[in-house]
Amino acid sequence: MEEKHRLKMVAPIVITVILVLYYIGFFAGCVLLPIPFGLKLLFGLVPLLLTGVCVFVLVERIREIRSGEEDDLGQY
């Protein structure tokens, strides 16, 4: 892998790690709060789903970078 591709992957990885840590912390906070179980499930499930979406988008972005497809608008 070229150094140029590696440098372009740093920002998406760092942002994803920060967001995932935030969402996991938010989930832990929701679980530890003394609120009814239904609210814990509702407030805790959303951050976990967002974590999955963040990881999926990161994987897609890394694939784009590796394939050399930097500009999505070039497809149209």
Protein backbone atom coordinates (compact mmCIF):
# COMPACT_ATOMS: atom_id res chain seq x y z
CA MET A 1 0.00 0.00 0.00
CA GLU A 2 1.27 3.41 -0.88
CA GLU A 3 2.09 5.95 1.79
CA LYS A 4 -0.46 8.32 0.23
CA HIS A 5 -3.27 5.80 0.79
CA ARG A 6 -2.16 5.16 4.34
CA LEU A 7 -2.23 8.85 5.19
CA LYS A 8 -5.76 9.22 3.80
CA MET A 9 -6.96 6.44 6.10
CA VAL A 10 -5.72 8.06 9.31
CA ALA A 11 -8.50 10.65 9.72
CA PRO A 12 -11.46 8.28 9.14
CA ILE A 13 -9.97 5.73 11.54
CA VAL A 14 -9.31 8.32 14.27
CA ILE A 15 -12.80 9.82 13.94
CA THR A 16 -14.41 6.38 14.02
CA VAL A 17 -12.46 5.35 17.12
CA ILE A 18 -13.49 8.55 18.91
CA LEU A 19 -17.16 8.09 17.97
CA VAL A 20 -17.18 4.41 18.95
CA LEU A 21 -15.65 5.21 22.35
CA TYR A 22 -18.23 7.96 22.86
CA TYR A 23 -21.14 5.68 21.93
CA ILE A 24 -19.86 2.87 24.16
CA GLY A 25 -19.51 5.34 27.04
CA PHE A 26 -23.01 6.63 26.41
CA PHE A 27 -24.33 3.05 26.38
CA ALA A 28 -22.55 2.29 29.66
CA GLY A 29 -23.99 5.44 31.18
CA CYS A 30 -27.49 4.46 30.11
CA VAL A 31 -27.12 0.99 31.58
CA LEU A 32 -25.84 2.34 34.91
CA LEU A 33 -28.57 4.98 35.34
CA PRO A 34 -31.46 4.08 37.64
CA ILE A 35 -34.16 4.31 34.96
CA PRO A 36 -36.75 1.74 33.87
CA PHE A 37 -35.49 -1.17 31.77
CA GLY A 38 -37.47 -0.08 28.70
CA LEU A 39 -35.74 3.29 28.65
CA LYS A 40 -32.36 1.65 29.21
CA LEU A 41 -33.02 -0.58 26.23
CA LEU A 42 -34.18 2.32 24.06
CA PHE A 43 -31.41 4.73 25.03
CA GLY A 44 -28.76 2.01 25.01
CA LEU A 45 -29.70 0.39 21.71
CA VAL A 46 -29.40 3.57 19.65
CA PRO A 47 -25.70 4.16 20.43
CA LEU A 48 -24.92 0.51 19.71
CA LEU A 49 -26.64 0.76 16.33
CA LEU A 50 -24.77 3.97 15.56
CA THR A 51 -21.51 2.22 16.46
CA GLY A 52 -22.27 -0.49 13.92
CA VAL A 53 -23.06 2.12 11.27
CA CYS A 54 -19.80 3.98 11.99
CA VAL A 55 -17.75 0.81 11.60
CA PHE A 56 -19.58 -0.09 8.36
CA VAL A 57 -18.95 3.37 6.91
CA LEU A 58 -15.28 3.15 7.91
CA VAL A 59 -14.89 -0.18 6.13
CA GLU A 60 -16.53 1.25 3.00
CA ARG A 61 -14.27 4.32 3.12
CA ILE A 62 -11.14 2.19 3.44
CA ARG A 63 -12.27 0.15 0.42
CA GLU A 64 -12.75 3.36 -1.56
CA ILE A 65 -9.31 4.62 -0.64
CA ARG A 66 -7.62 1.34 -1.49
CA SER A 67 -9.36 1.13 -4.85
CA GLY A 68 -8.26 4.65 -5.71
CA GLU A 69 -11.82 5.90 -5.98
CA GLU A 70 -11.35 9.14 -4.10
CA ASP A 71 -14.13 11.23 -5.58
CA ASP A 72 -17.58 9.67 -5.50
CA LEU A 73 -18.89 12.43 -7.76
CA GLY A 74 -16.69 11.09 -10.56
CA GLN A 75 -19.19 8.25 -10.99
CA TYR A 76 -21.95 10.60 -12.13
